[in-house]
Structure formats: structure tokens, C-alpha cells
């Protein structure tokens, strides 16, 4: 039954991607400091004072004649062509284990980020263990923030970046139905070859701090690669009382959960909101992005603008755009 419903959804998604001509796309190419570069789908490359962090990138975008795929595999040539230099990355954060977020991560870890450890759910770890040494895989789910309980801070080698996983969820895909759920309880012998094999696992949001030489927070970012129902995905109240400067939102299925991103933005009050995962990823060219099928992107932008604080900015970046962060607070 689930497979039949999935096939019906795939047929619906076979419609045309959206023409982005009327969207307020952000296309800046000048790199700033801190540097936040959008890589498309849920991927971002963040640099700060000699250290770098990567949110799981996705470039392969498999498709069958432009339609949603069933068999999937990474495309190393495409990854190598599109992945920016990232040898300085020490932390690679994963929100959930669906193929459009995790498929390219093994090649990125082995070829482009040789010093990085990857942080995510138990299911993510069981999948990646088929291709990545276990010592490079960190189970952040076991020590995630959950409700009012804070999670563990994971630090970069020079302690200029730290990240905390937060219990979250993945919105239903369509009509309140969610596909590709489930988890793994043991390491896989090989990477999955079908869409169904890339099980969601526990979805995580991430809180990321950029620290100065004294260990004080200069920037705080909140990241989601899947829309969630509040309070899932909301950060705990931390003793430092530090506000979130940047909220990175997910456009995919945003209207399939109640009050997203309204409640999140009302809690965070960010000075900058960045909307990602807005492009079609069924065989698309990231250099010529089109909007997701069956998604009300303008509606999402309107809700986001309405729930930003006074002076808050909104960015809808094209892949590979450089997004300047607000000036640091004193």
C-alpha cells in the first residue's frame, strides 16, 4: 500500500518545476566573513576564523527522464564539478538520512573533506558505515537536545565552532502522508541503491555557534533541512540567553505541518532568515535552478517576512550564492 501511494505521489510530482523568474532570488558572489555559502537543497558551507563547517550537500540530483527516481546513486563527476574547495571542513552536519541529503555525503567525506567527522542520527551512521570508517561517524542523536533539555555541544578542533543537535521531525510529503520513514538498527554492508533504502531516521535540527578567542558566542545559527511541527525543532532555552542571529529554513513541504515557520520565527526572532531547499532536484542543473513542484514558495516568503522582527532580513539564495551575515552584536 505504501509503495502504491508513493508511486502516486511520484506521478503527481512529475509535473513541471516552477519558473523562478518572479521570485526574489539572492545571487551575491562576494565572500564575506563569516562566510555562508548556499550549495543548493540543504547544503551550506560556513567558514569562520580559519575553521569550516558543512551542512550536508546534495549535487547528484538523480532522476528518470526528469521525473522522480526510484533507483538512486551518487554521481562522483557531478559532485567533483560542483563541490567548492572544502579541505578545511572539520564538521559535516546531517539533518536526516533521505537520499536528497545523504546520497552524496560519502563521496564528499572521502574526496573533499578528508579531515571532517560527520554528525547525525543513528540511522545516518548505520548507512554511512557501509562506506566511511566508523571513527569518522558521530552519533549526535544520543546526546541531542529534547524539549527543554539541552544537548551536548560538539566542538571543532580549534573550538571556534560548536554545534548542538535538536530533536526535530520531517514534515509529511503530500496530503499529510510521509514516505521514506523508518530507521536502521545495524550497520549496512553497502549503500542503499533505491530511494526506499535511504530511511529518514531521527530528524535533527542544529544550533551552531561561532566563537571568538575567549570562547564567547559571536554568532548563533539555527538550521533545519526539514519543516517540523512545533515544539519539535525548537532550540532549548540556554543559560547564556543568547539570541539566534540567523535562521536557515526549509521550503520543502513547509505547508504540510502546522505553523511552520511562524512559531519557530516567533521563538528565534532572527536578524536574518535564509530559505533553502526551494529548488527542484529531479535532474536539475543547480546553475539554472527552478522552483520545487507543488510548493507555494511565495506563500512561504510572505509568512517568513510577516514573522521577522523589525529590521530582519530575508534571503532566498540561488545555489552557490554567498550570504553575508548581519554585523556581530557588541
C-alpha atoms as a PDB file:
ATOM      1  CA  UNK A   1       0.000   0.000   0.000  1.00  0.00           C
ATOM      2  CA  UNK A   2       2.754   2.438   0.945  1.00  0.00           C
ATOM      3  CA  UNK A   3       4.578   1.719  -2.314  1.00  0.00           C
ATOM      4  CA  UNK A   4       1.419   2.390  -4.346  1.00  0.00           C
ATOM      5  CA  UNK A   5       0.867   5.692  -2.559  1.00  0.00           C
ATOM      6  CA  UNK A   6       4.490   6.617  -3.169  1.00  0.00           C
ATOM      7  CA  UNK A   7       4.106   5.903  -6.872  1.00  0.00           C
ATOM      8  CA  UNK A   8       1.000   8.127  -6.980  1.00  0.00           C
ATOM      9  CA  UNK A   9       2.923  10.957  -5.324  1.00  0.00           C
ATOM     10  CA  UNK A  10       5.798  10.495  -7.770  1.00  0.00           C
ATOM     11  CA  UNK A  11       3.363  10.754 -10.677  1.00  0.00           C
ATOM     12  CA  UNK A  12       1.964  13.989  -9.260  1.00  0.00           C
ATOM     13  CA  UNK A  13       5.465  15.356  -8.817  1.00  0.00           C
ATOM     14  CA  UNK A  14       6.133  14.592 -12.465  1.00  0.00           C
ATOM     15  CA  UNK A  15       4.574  17.956 -13.291  1.00  0.00           C
ATOM     16  CA  UNK A  16       6.707  20.916 -14.231  1.00  0.00           C
ATOM     17  CA  UNK A  17       9.071  22.642 -11.844  1.00  0.00           C
ATOM     18  CA  UNK A  18       8.291  26.283 -11.105  1.00  0.00           C
ATOM     19  CA  UNK A  19       9.755  29.114 -13.148  1.00  0.00           C
ATOM     20  CA  UNK A  20      11.692  31.176 -10.570  1.00  0.00           C
ATOM     21  CA  UNK A  21      11.598  34.405 -12.600  1.00  0.00           C
ATOM     22  CA  UNK A  22       9.156  36.084 -10.212  1.00  0.00           C
ATOM     23  CA  UNK A  23      10.934  35.022  -7.022  1.00  0.00           C
ATOM     24  CA  UNK A  24      13.212  37.474  -5.153  1.00  0.00           C
ATOM     25  CA  UNK A  25      16.366  35.447  -5.719  1.00  0.00           C
ATOM     26  CA  UNK A  26      19.573  36.419  -3.930  1.00  0.00           C
ATOM     27  CA  UNK A  27      22.638  35.956  -6.145  1.00  0.00           C
ATOM     28  CA  UNK A  28      25.592  37.663  -4.430  1.00  0.00           C
ATOM     29  CA  UNK A  29      29.015  36.202  -5.211  1.00  0.00           C
ATOM     30  CA  UNK A  30      31.251  38.272  -2.932  1.00  0.00           C
ATOM     31  CA  UNK A  31      32.574  36.292   0.007  1.00  0.00           C
ATOM     32  CA  UNK A  32      32.355  37.927   3.432  1.00  0.00           C
ATOM     33  CA  UNK A  33      33.489  36.955   6.922  1.00  0.00           C
ATOM     34  CA  UNK A  34      31.869  34.947   8.352  1.00  0.00           C
ATOM     35  CA  UNK A  35      31.230  33.218   5.034  1.00  0.00           C
ATOM     36  CA  UNK A  36      27.947  31.357   4.471  1.00  0.00           C
ATOM     37  CA  UNK A  37      27.605  29.833   1.011  1.00  0.00           C
ATOM     38  CA  UNK A  38      24.428  28.114  -0.147  1.00  0.00           C
ATOM     39  CA  UNK A  39      25.184  24.909  -2.061  1.00  0.00           C
ATOM     40  CA  UNK A  40      21.633  24.012  -3.047  1.00  0.00           C
ATOM     41  CA  UNK A  41      18.948  21.766  -1.478  1.00  0.00           C
ATOM     42  CA  UNK A  42      20.002  21.587   2.208  1.00  0.00           C
ATOM     43  CA  UNK A  43      23.714  22.222   1.730  1.00  0.00           C
ATOM     44  CA  UNK A  44      25.676  25.159   3.155  1.00  0.00           C
ATOM     45  CA  UNK A  45      29.375  25.845   3.648  1.00  0.00           C
ATOM     46  CA  UNK A  46      30.170  28.009   6.682  1.00  0.00           C
ATOM     47  CA  UNK A  47      33.619  29.485   7.394  1.00  0.00           C
ATOM     48  CA  UNK A  48      34.749  31.384  10.480  1.00  0.00           C
ATOM     49  CA  UNK A  49      38.227  32.354  11.687  1.00  0.00           C
ATOM     50  CA  UNK A  50      40.154  29.568   9.986  1.00  0.00           C
ATOM     51  CA  UNK A  51      37.611  26.787  10.527  1.00  0.00           C
ATOM     52  CA  UNK A  52      34.821  25.456   8.340  1.00  0.00           C
ATOM     53  CA  UNK A  53      31.579  23.539   8.804  1.00  0.00           C
ATOM     54  CA  UNK A  54      29.442  21.883   6.149  1.00  0.00           C
ATOM     55  CA  UNK A  55      25.724  21.129   6.190  1.00  0.00           C
ATOM     56  CA  UNK A  56      25.181  18.012   4.079  1.00  0.00           C
ATOM     57  CA  UNK A  57      25.399  18.954   0.375  1.00  0.00           C
ATOM     58  CA  UNK A  58      23.470  17.343  -2.479  1.00  0.00           C
ATOM     59  CA  UNK A  59      24.545  17.658  -6.097  1.00  0.00           C
ATOM     60  CA  UNK A  60      23.788  14.369  -7.889  1.00  0.00           C
ATOM     61  CA  UNK A  61      20.017  15.007  -8.141  1.00  0.00           C
ATOM     62  CA  UNK A  62      19.143  11.675  -9.783  1.00  0.00           C
ATOM     63  CA  UNK A  63      16.049  11.499 -11.976  1.00  0.00           C
ATOM     64  CA  UNK A  64      14.412   9.314 -14.601  1.00  0.00           C
ATOM     65  CA  UNK A  65      13.749  11.456 -17.698  1.00  0.00           C
ATOM     66  CA  UNK A  66      13.229  14.456 -15.455  1.00  0.00           C
ATOM     67  CA  UNK A  67      10.863  12.558 -13.165  1.00  0.00           C
ATOM     68  CA  UNK A  68      11.377  11.498  -9.538  1.00  0.00           C
ATOM     69  CA  UNK A  69      13.657   8.441  -9.418  1.00  0.00           C
ATOM     70  CA  UNK A  70      13.309   5.077  -7.694  1.00  0.00           C
ATOM     71  CA  UNK A  71      16.882   3.744  -8.094  1.00  0.00           C
ATOM     72  CA  UNK A  72      19.474   6.266  -6.908  1.00  0.00           C
ATOM     73  CA  UNK A  73      23.239   6.510  -6.805  1.00  0.00           C
ATOM     74  CA  UNK A  74      25.735   9.306  -6.351  1.00  0.00           C
ATOM     75  CA  UNK A  75      27.340  10.922  -9.396  1.00  0.00           C
ATOM     76  CA  UNK A  76      31.003  11.488  -8.440  1.00  0.00           C
ATOM     77  CA  UNK A  77      31.776  13.529 -11.560  1.00  0.00           C
ATOM     78  CA  UNK A  78      28.941  15.961 -10.821  1.00  0.00           C
ATOM     79  CA  UNK A  79      29.928  16.210  -7.152  1.00  0.00           C
ATOM     80  CA  UNK A  80      33.558  16.937  -8.085  1.00  0.00           C
ATOM     81  CA  UNK A  81      32.472  19.577 -10.587  1.00  0.00           C
ATOM     82  CA  UNK A  82      30.156  21.449  -8.224  1.00  0.00           C
ATOM     83  CA  UNK A  83      31.612  20.995  -4.741  1.00  0.00           C
ATOM     84  CA  UNK A  84      33.601  24.096  -3.646  1.00  0.00           C
ATOM     85  CA  UNK A  85      37.035  23.594  -2.052  1.00  0.00           C
ATOM     86  CA  UNK A  86      36.375  22.245   1.445  1.00  0.00           C
ATOM     87  CA  UNK A  87      39.554  20.579   2.706  1.00  0.00           C
ATOM     88  CA  UNK A  88      39.382  22.824   5.788  1.00  0.00           C
ATOM     89  CA  UNK A  89      35.982  21.450   6.873  1.00  0.00           C
ATOM     90  CA  UNK A  90      36.173  19.608  10.200  1.00  0.00           C
ATOM     91  CA  UNK A  91      32.442  19.106  10.905  1.00  0.00           C
ATOM     92  CA  UNK A  92      29.755  17.867   8.500  1.00  0.00           C
ATOM     93  CA  UNK A  93      26.243  18.068   9.964  1.00  0.00           C
ATOM     94  CA  UNK A  94      23.316  15.976   8.685  1.00  0.00           C
ATOM     95  CA  UNK A  95      19.661  16.692   9.454  1.00  0.00           C
ATOM     96  CA  UNK A  96      18.164  13.415   8.199  1.00  0.00           C
ATOM     97  CA  UNK A  97      19.090  10.449   6.042  1.00  0.00           C
ATOM     98  CA  UNK A  98      16.880  10.723   2.949  1.00  0.00           C
ATOM     99  CA  UNK A  99      18.782  10.374  -0.317  1.00  0.00           C
ATOM    100  CA  UNK A 100      18.463  14.056  -1.253  1.00  0.00           C
ATOM    101  CA  UNK A 101      20.557  14.901   1.806  1.00  0.00           C
ATOM    102  CA  UNK A 102      22.838  11.911   2.410  1.00  0.00           C
ATOM    103  CA  UNK A 103      23.449  10.337  -1.015  1.00  0.00           C
ATOM    104  CA  UNK A 104      26.494  12.493  -1.831  1.00  0.00           C
ATOM    105  CA  UNK A 105      27.950  12.638   1.677  1.00  0.00           C
ATOM    106  CA  UNK A 106      30.173   9.519   1.405  1.00  0.00           C
ATOM    107  CA  UNK A 107      31.979  10.867  -1.666  1.00  0.00           C
ATOM    108  CA  UNK A 108      32.233  14.347  -0.147  1.00  0.00           C
ATOM    109  CA  UNK A 109      33.774  12.923   3.028  1.00  0.00           C
ATOM    110  CA  UNK A 110      36.275  10.733   1.194  1.00  0.00           C
ATOM    111  CA  UNK A 111      37.256  13.134  -1.586  1.00  0.00           C
ATOM    112  CA  UNK A 112      36.575  16.706  -0.463  1.00  0.00           C
ATOM    113  CA  UNK A 113      36.617  16.854   3.353  1.00  0.00           C
ATOM    114  CA  UNK A 114      39.276  14.346   4.445  1.00  0.00           C
ATOM    115  CA  UNK A 115      39.589  15.876   7.942  1.00  0.00           C
ATOM    116  CA  UNK A 116      35.874  16.035   8.711  1.00  0.00           C
ATOM    117  CA  UNK A 117      33.764  13.969  11.049  1.00  0.00           C
ATOM    118  CA  UNK A 118      30.081  13.583  10.209  1.00  0.00           C
ATOM    119  CA  UNK A 119      27.407  14.166  12.855  1.00  0.00           C
ATOM    120  CA  UNK A 120      23.828  12.948  12.689  1.00  0.00           C
ATOM    121  CA  UNK A 121      21.342  10.282  13.691  1.00  0.00           C
ATOM    122  CA  UNK A 122      21.929   6.634  14.498  1.00  0.00           C
ATOM    123  CA  UNK A 123      20.338   5.675  11.175  1.00  0.00           C
ATOM    124  CA  UNK A 124      22.675   8.048   9.334  1.00  0.00           C
ATOM    125  CA  UNK A 125      25.605   6.313  10.993  1.00  0.00           C
ATOM    126  CA  UNK A 126      24.370   2.846  10.068  1.00  0.00           C
ATOM    127  CA  UNK A 127      24.045   3.893   6.421  1.00  0.00           C
ATOM    128  CA  UNK A 128      27.388   5.682   6.163  1.00  0.00           C
ATOM    129  CA  UNK A 129      29.232   2.833   7.891  1.00  0.00           C
ATOM    130  CA  UNK A 130      28.970   0.983   4.578  1.00  0.00           C
ATOM    131  CA  UNK A 131      31.448   3.452   3.055  1.00  0.00           C
ATOM    132  CA  UNK A 132      33.052   5.564   5.808  1.00  0.00           C
ATOM    133  CA  UNK A 133      35.341   4.494   8.683  1.00  0.00           C
ATOM    134  CA  UNK A 134      33.363   4.301  11.906  1.00  0.00           C
ATOM    135  CA  UNK A 135      35.760   6.659  13.718  1.00  0.00           C
ATOM    136  CA  UNK A 136      34.609   9.481  11.428  1.00  0.00           C
ATOM    137  CA  UNK A 137      30.904   8.996  12.271  1.00  0.00           C
ATOM    138  CA  UNK A 138      29.408  10.647  15.371  1.00  0.00           C
ATOM    139  CA  UNK A 139      26.037   9.676  16.858  1.00  0.00           C
ATOM    140  CA  UNK A 140      24.633  13.092  17.770  1.00  0.00           C
ATOM    141  CA  UNK A 141      21.138  11.689  18.278  1.00  0.00           C
ATOM    142  CA  UNK A 142      22.154  10.058  21.560  1.00  0.00           C
ATOM    143  CA  UNK A 143      23.004  13.463  23.050  1.00  0.00           C
ATOM    144  CA  UNK A 144      20.550  15.737  21.248  1.00  0.00           C
ATOM    145  CA  UNK A 145      18.520  18.497  22.860  1.00  0.00           C
ATOM    146  CA  UNK A 146      14.994  17.295  23.584  1.00  0.00           C
ATOM    147  CA  UNK A 147      12.324  19.777  24.625  1.00  0.00           C
ATOM    148  CA  UNK A 148      13.672  21.905  27.459  1.00  0.00           C
ATOM    149  CA  UNK A 149      16.679  19.631  27.976  1.00  0.00           C
ATOM    150  CA  UNK A 150      19.854  20.949  26.288  1.00  0.00           C
ATOM    151  CA  UNK A 151      22.030  18.614  24.276  1.00  0.00           C
ATOM    152  CA  UNK A 152      25.777  18.240  24.039  1.00  0.00           C
ATOM    153  CA  UNK A 153      27.896  20.836  22.290  1.00  0.00           C
ATOM    154  CA  UNK A 154      30.225  19.282  19.700  1.00  0.00           C
ATOM    155  CA  UNK A 155      33.336  21.426  19.086  1.00  0.00           C
ATOM    156  CA  UNK A 156      35.572  21.917  16.065  1.00  0.00           C
ATOM    157  CA  UNK A 157      39.306  21.212  16.572  1.00  0.00           C
ATOM    158  CA  UNK A 158      40.211  24.843  17.299  1.00  0.00           C
ATOM    159  CA  UNK A 159      36.991  25.426  19.275  1.00  0.00           C
ATOM    160  CA  UNK A 160      35.836  28.330  17.118  1.00  0.00           C
ATOM    161  CA  UNK A 161      32.692  26.456  16.057  1.00  0.00           C
ATOM    162  CA  UNK A 162      30.307  24.317  18.107  1.00  0.00           C
ATOM    163  CA  UNK A 163      27.065  22.535  17.216  1.00  0.00           C
ATOM    164  CA  UNK A 164      24.147  21.041  19.147  1.00  0.00           C
ATOM    165  CA  UNK A 165      21.647  18.590  17.656  1.00  0.00           C
ATOM    166  CA  UNK A 166      17.945  19.171  18.427  1.00  0.00           C
ATOM    167  CA  UNK A 167      15.119  16.625  18.210  1.00  0.00           C
ATOM    168  CA  UNK A 168      13.023  17.554  15.181  1.00  0.00           C
ATOM    169  CA  UNK A 169      10.839  15.851  12.578  1.00  0.00           C
ATOM    170  CA  UNK A 170      10.330  15.626   8.829  1.00  0.00           C
ATOM    171  CA  UNK A 171       7.086  17.077   7.501  1.00  0.00           C
ATOM    172  CA  UNK A 172       4.732  14.841   5.501  1.00  0.00           C
ATOM    173  CA  UNK A 173       5.447  14.939   1.782  1.00  0.00           C
ATOM    174  CA  UNK A 174       1.897  15.476   0.491  1.00  0.00           C
ATOM    175  CA  UNK A 175      -1.699  15.293   1.780  1.00  0.00           C
ATOM    176  CA  UNK A 176      -0.413  14.624   5.283  1.00  0.00           C
ATOM    177  CA  UNK A 177       1.359  11.438   4.126  1.00  0.00           C
ATOM    178  CA  UNK A 178       5.028  10.837   4.817  1.00  0.00           C
ATOM    179  CA  UNK A 179       7.155   8.365   2.900  1.00  0.00           C
ATOM    180  CA  UNK A 180      10.682   7.000   3.291  1.00  0.00           C
ATOM    181  CA  UNK A 181      10.443   6.878   7.069  1.00  0.00           C
ATOM    182  CA  UNK A 182      11.905   4.211   9.308  1.00  0.00           C
ATOM    183  CA  UNK A 183      15.356   3.597  10.688  1.00  0.00           C
ATOM    184  CA  UNK A 184      18.205   1.092  10.760  1.00  0.00           C
ATOM    185  CA  UNK A 185      19.381  -0.780  13.839  1.00  0.00           C
ATOM    186  CA  UNK A 186      22.678  -2.101  12.459  1.00  0.00           C
ATOM    187  CA  UNK A 187      25.426  -1.025  10.052  1.00  0.00           C
ATOM    188  CA  UNK A 188      24.747  -1.700   6.382  1.00  0.00           C
ATOM    189  CA  UNK A 189      27.116  -3.726   4.226  1.00  0.00           C
ATOM    190  CA  UNK A 190      26.561  -1.476   1.210  1.00  0.00           C
ATOM    191  CA  UNK A 191      24.968   1.869   0.489  1.00  0.00           C
ATOM    192  CA  UNK A 192      21.267   1.714  -0.471  1.00  0.00           C
ATOM    193  CA  UNK A 193      20.516   1.648  -4.171  1.00  0.00           C
ATOM    194  CA  UNK A 194      16.860   2.674  -4.043  1.00  0.00           C
ATOM    195  CA  UNK A 195      15.019   5.713  -2.732  1.00  0.00           C
ATOM    196  CA  UNK A 196      13.304   3.492  -0.155  1.00  0.00           C
ATOM    197  CA  UNK A 197      16.642   2.386   1.286  1.00  0.00           C
ATOM    198  CA  UNK A 198      17.597   5.896   2.404  1.00  0.00           C
ATOM    199  CA  UNK A 199      15.437   5.822   5.525  1.00  0.00           C
ATOM    200  CA  UNK A 200      14.776   9.044   7.394  1.00  0.00           C
ATOM    201  CA  UNK A 201      15.917   8.036  10.879  1.00  0.00           C
ATOM    202  CA  UNK A 202      15.604  10.624  13.634  1.00  0.00           C
ATOM    203  CA  UNK A 203      15.438  14.063  12.023  1.00  0.00           C
ATOM    204  CA  UNK A 204      17.594  16.693  13.695  1.00  0.00           C
ATOM    205  CA  UNK A 205      17.713  20.470  13.689  1.00  0.00           C
ATOM    206  CA  UNK A 206      21.031  22.101  14.538  1.00  0.00           C
ATOM    207  CA  UNK A 207      22.132  25.045  16.660  1.00  0.00           C
ATOM    208  CA  UNK A 208      25.560  26.325  15.590  1.00  0.00           C
ATOM    209  CA  UNK A 209      27.676  28.898  17.441  1.00  0.00           C
ATOM    210  CA  UNK A 210      30.633  30.815  16.055  1.00  0.00           C
ATOM    211  CA  UNK A 211      33.009  31.599  18.919  1.00  0.00           C
ATOM    212  CA  UNK A 212      35.743  34.155  19.454  1.00  0.00           C
ATOM    213  CA  UNK A 213      39.162  33.558  21.013  1.00  0.00           C
ATOM    214  CA  UNK A 214      37.629  33.828  24.508  1.00  0.00           C
ATOM    215  CA  UNK A 215      35.012  31.205  23.720  1.00  0.00           C
ATOM    216  CA  UNK A 216      32.201  33.775  23.629  1.00  0.00           C
ATOM    217  CA  UNK A 217      29.423  33.495  21.069  1.00  0.00           C
ATOM    218  CA  UNK A 218      29.718  35.969  18.202  1.00  0.00           C
ATOM    219  CA  UNK A 219      27.009  34.397  16.040  1.00  0.00           C
ATOM    220  CA  UNK A 220      24.302  31.812  16.659  1.00  0.00           C
ATOM    221  CA  UNK A 221      22.583  29.987  13.780  1.00  0.00           C
ATOM    222  CA  UNK A 222      19.605  27.638  13.742  1.00  0.00           C
ATOM    223  CA  UNK A 223      19.380  25.165  10.852  1.00  0.00           C
ATOM    224  CA  UNK A 224      16.648  22.860   9.576  1.00  0.00           C
ATOM    225  CA  UNK A 225      16.651  20.736   6.440  1.00  0.00           C
ATOM    226  CA  UNK A 226      13.029  19.648   7.000  1.00  0.00           C
ATOM    227  CA  UNK A 227       9.953  21.524   8.174  1.00  0.00           C
ATOM    228  CA  UNK A 228       8.683  20.435  11.600  1.00  0.00           C
ATOM    229  CA  UNK A 229       5.675  20.745  13.881  1.00  0.00           C
ATOM    230  CA  UNK A 230       6.387  22.882  16.957  1.00  0.00           C
ATOM    231  CA  UNK A 231       7.776  22.301  19.506  1.00  0.00           C
ATOM    232  CA  UNK A 232       9.892  19.805  17.544  1.00  0.00           C
ATOM    233  CA  UNK A 233      12.897  21.590  16.085  1.00  0.00           C
ATOM    234  CA  UNK A 234      12.773  24.469  18.564  1.00  0.00           C
ATOM    235  CA  UNK A 235      16.010  25.036  20.484  1.00  0.00           C
ATOM    236  CA  UNK A 236      16.001  24.745  24.272  1.00  0.00           C
ATOM    237  CA  UNK A 237      16.321  27.843  26.414  1.00  0.00           C
ATOM    238  CA  UNK A 238      20.051  28.012  27.169  1.00  0.00           C
ATOM    239  CA  UNK A 239      21.602  29.599  30.278  1.00  0.00           C
ATOM    240  CA  UNK A 240      23.504  32.189  28.234  1.00  0.00           C
ATOM    241  CA  UNK A 241      20.264  33.709  26.938  1.00  0.00           C
ATOM    242  CA  UNK A 242      21.996  34.404  23.602  1.00  0.00           C
ATOM    243  CA  UNK A 243      19.617  35.125  20.739  1.00  0.00           C
ATOM    244  CA  UNK A 244      19.714  33.414  17.335  1.00  0.00           C
ATOM    245  CA  UNK A 245      21.127  35.653  14.620  1.00  0.00           C
ATOM    246  CA  UNK A 246      20.378  33.501  11.565  1.00  0.00           C
ATOM    247  CA  UNK A 247      17.526  31.048  10.926  1.00  0.00           C
ATOM    248  CA  UNK A 248      18.043  28.676   7.994  1.00  0.00           C
ATOM    249  CA  UNK A 249      14.612  27.420   6.909  1.00  0.00           C
ATOM    250  CA  UNK A 250      13.407  24.612   4.651  1.00  0.00           C
ATOM    251  CA  UNK A 251      10.907  25.303   1.866  1.00  0.00           C
ATOM    252  CA  UNK A 252      10.138  21.663   1.080  1.00  0.00           C
ATOM    253  CA  UNK A 253       6.697  20.601   2.415  1.00  0.00           C
ATOM    254  CA  UNK A 254       6.577  23.691   4.612  1.00  0.00           C
ATOM    255  CA  UNK A 255       2.776  23.829   4.426  1.00  0.00           C
ATOM    256  CA  UNK A 256       2.325  20.183   5.452  1.00  0.00           C
ATOM    257  CA  UNK A 257       2.888  20.948   9.145  1.00  0.00           C
ATOM    258  CA  UNK A 258       1.009  23.476  11.274  1.00  0.00           C
ATOM    259  CA  UNK A 259       2.509  26.891  12.000  1.00  0.00           C
ATOM    260  CA  UNK A 260       5.794  26.432  10.134  1.00  0.00           C
ATOM    261  CA  UNK A 261       7.837  28.593  10.161  1.00  0.00           C
ATOM    262  CA  UNK A 262       5.697  31.037  12.152  1.00  0.00           C
ATOM    263  CA  UNK A 263       6.211  29.552  15.635  1.00  0.00           C
ATOM    264  CA  UNK A 264       9.911  28.967  15.004  1.00  0.00           C
ATOM    265  CA  UNK A 265      10.490  32.555  13.886  1.00  0.00           C
ATOM    266  CA  UNK A 266       8.454  33.944  16.772  1.00  0.00           C
ATOM    267  CA  UNK A 267      10.711  31.995  19.146  1.00  0.00           C
ATOM    268  CA  UNK A 268      14.016  32.761  17.462  1.00  0.00           C
ATOM    269  CA  UNK A 269      13.446  36.396  16.390  1.00  0.00           C
ATOM    270  CA  UNK A 270      16.404  36.111  13.965  1.00  0.00           C
ATOM    271  CA  UNK A 271      18.040  39.097  12.331  1.00  0.00           C
ATOM    272  CA  UNK A 272      18.339  37.104   9.098  1.00  0.00           C
ATOM    273  CA  UNK A 273      16.181  34.299   7.670  1.00  0.00           C
ATOM    274  CA  UNK A 274      17.566  32.182   4.830  1.00  0.00           C
ATOM    275  CA  UNK A 275      15.162  29.964   2.884  1.00  0.00           C
ATOM    276  CA  UNK A 276      16.798  26.911   1.321  1.00  0.00           C
ATOM    277  CA  UNK A 277      15.668  23.599  -0.209  1.00  0.00           C
ATOM    278  CA  UNK A 278      13.415  25.606  -2.527  1.00  0.00           C
ATOM    279  CA  UNK A 279      14.726  24.264  -5.849  1.00  0.00           C
ATOM    280  CA  UNK A 280      13.562  21.275  -7.835  1.00  0.00           C
ATOM    281  CA  UNK A 281      16.111  18.459  -7.503  1.00  0.00           C
ATOM    282  CA  UNK A 282      14.912  15.888 -10.046  1.00  0.00           C
ATOM    283  CA  UNK A 283      17.703  16.024 -12.580  1.00  0.00           C
ATOM    284  CA  UNK A 284      18.017  19.799 -12.366  1.00  0.00           C
ATOM    285  CA  UNK A 285      21.076  21.903 -13.060  1.00  0.00           C
ATOM    286  CA  UNK A 286      21.927  23.843  -9.868  1.00  0.00           C
ATOM    287  CA  UNK A 287      23.374  26.616 -12.014  1.00  0.00           C
ATOM    288  CA  UNK A 288      19.915  27.151 -13.536  1.00  0.00           C
ATOM    289  CA  UNK A 289      17.568  26.428 -10.621  1.00  0.00           C
ATOM    290  CA  UNK A 290      13.821  26.001 -10.881  1.00  0.00           C
ATOM    291  CA  UNK A 291      11.350  26.004  -8.019  1.00  0.00           C
ATOM    292  CA  UNK A 292      10.008  22.912  -6.268  1.00  0.00           C
ATOM    293  CA  UNK A 293       6.910  21.335  -7.758  1.00  0.00           C
ATOM    294  CA  UNK A 294       3.592  21.719  -5.897  1.00  0.00           C
ATOM    295  CA  UNK A 295       5.078  24.201  -3.404  1.00  0.00           C
ATOM    296  CA  UNK A 296       3.705  27.641  -2.563  1.00  0.00           C
ATOM    297  CA  UNK A 297       7.056  29.395  -2.381  1.00  0.00           C
ATOM    298  CA  UNK A 298       5.587  32.886  -2.427  1.00  0.00           C
ATOM    299  CA  UNK A 299       3.335  31.937   0.472  1.00  0.00           C
ATOM    300  CA  UNK A 300       6.325  30.773   2.488  1.00  0.00           C
ATOM    301  CA  UNK A 301       8.186  34.005   1.810  1.00  0.00           C
ATOM    302  CA  UNK A 302       5.144  36.052   2.865  1.00  0.00           C
ATOM    303  CA  UNK A 303       4.790  34.144   6.144  1.00  0.00           C
ATOM    304  CA  UNK A 304       8.513  34.458   6.828  1.00  0.00           C
ATOM    305  CA  UNK A 305       8.527  38.222   6.228  1.00  0.00           C
ATOM    306  CA  UNK A 306       5.491  38.670   8.466  1.00  0.00           C
ATOM    307  CA  UNK A 307       7.208  36.957  11.394  1.00  0.00           C
ATOM    308  CA  UNK A 308      10.629  38.544  11.259  1.00  0.00           C
ATOM    309  CA  UNK A 309      11.448  41.204  13.847  1.00  0.00           C
ATOM    310  CA  UNK A 310      11.699  44.822  12.790  1.00  0.00           C
ATOM    311  CA  UNK A 311      14.777  45.214  10.608  1.00  0.00           C
ATOM    312  CA  UNK A 312      15.027  41.456   9.980  1.00  0.00           C
ATOM    313  CA  UNK A 313      16.195  40.420   6.512  1.00  0.00           C
ATOM    314  CA  UNK A 314      15.078  37.591   4.247  1.00  0.00           C
ATOM    315  CA  UNK A 315      17.215  35.812   1.654  1.00  0.00           C
ATOM    316  CA  UNK A 316      16.216  33.247  -0.982  1.00  0.00           C
ATOM    317  CA  UNK A 317      19.654  32.337  -2.335  1.00  0.00           C
ATOM    318  CA  UNK A 318      20.444  30.668  -5.626  1.00  0.00           C
ATOM    319  CA  UNK A 319      22.878  27.747  -5.341  1.00  0.00           C
ATOM    320  CA  UNK A 320      26.455  28.905  -4.673  1.00  0.00           C
ATOM    321  CA  UNK A 321      25.408  32.393  -3.615  1.00  0.00           C
ATOM    322  CA  UNK A 322      27.429  33.947  -0.772  1.00  0.00           C
ATOM    323  CA  UNK A 323      25.160  35.165   2.027  1.00  0.00           C
ATOM    324  CA  UNK A 324      26.578  37.931   4.247  1.00  0.00           C
ATOM    325  CA  UNK A 325      25.638  37.591   7.909  1.00  0.00           C
ATOM    326  CA  UNK A 326      24.447  40.585   9.956  1.00  0.00           C
ATOM    327  CA  UNK A 327      27.082  42.623  11.738  1.00  0.00           C
ATOM    328  CA  UNK A 328      28.044  40.968  15.056  1.00  0.00           C
ATOM    329  CA  UNK A 329      26.333  42.319  18.125  1.00  0.00           C
ATOM    330  CA  UNK A 330      28.530  44.080  20.703  1.00  0.00           C
END
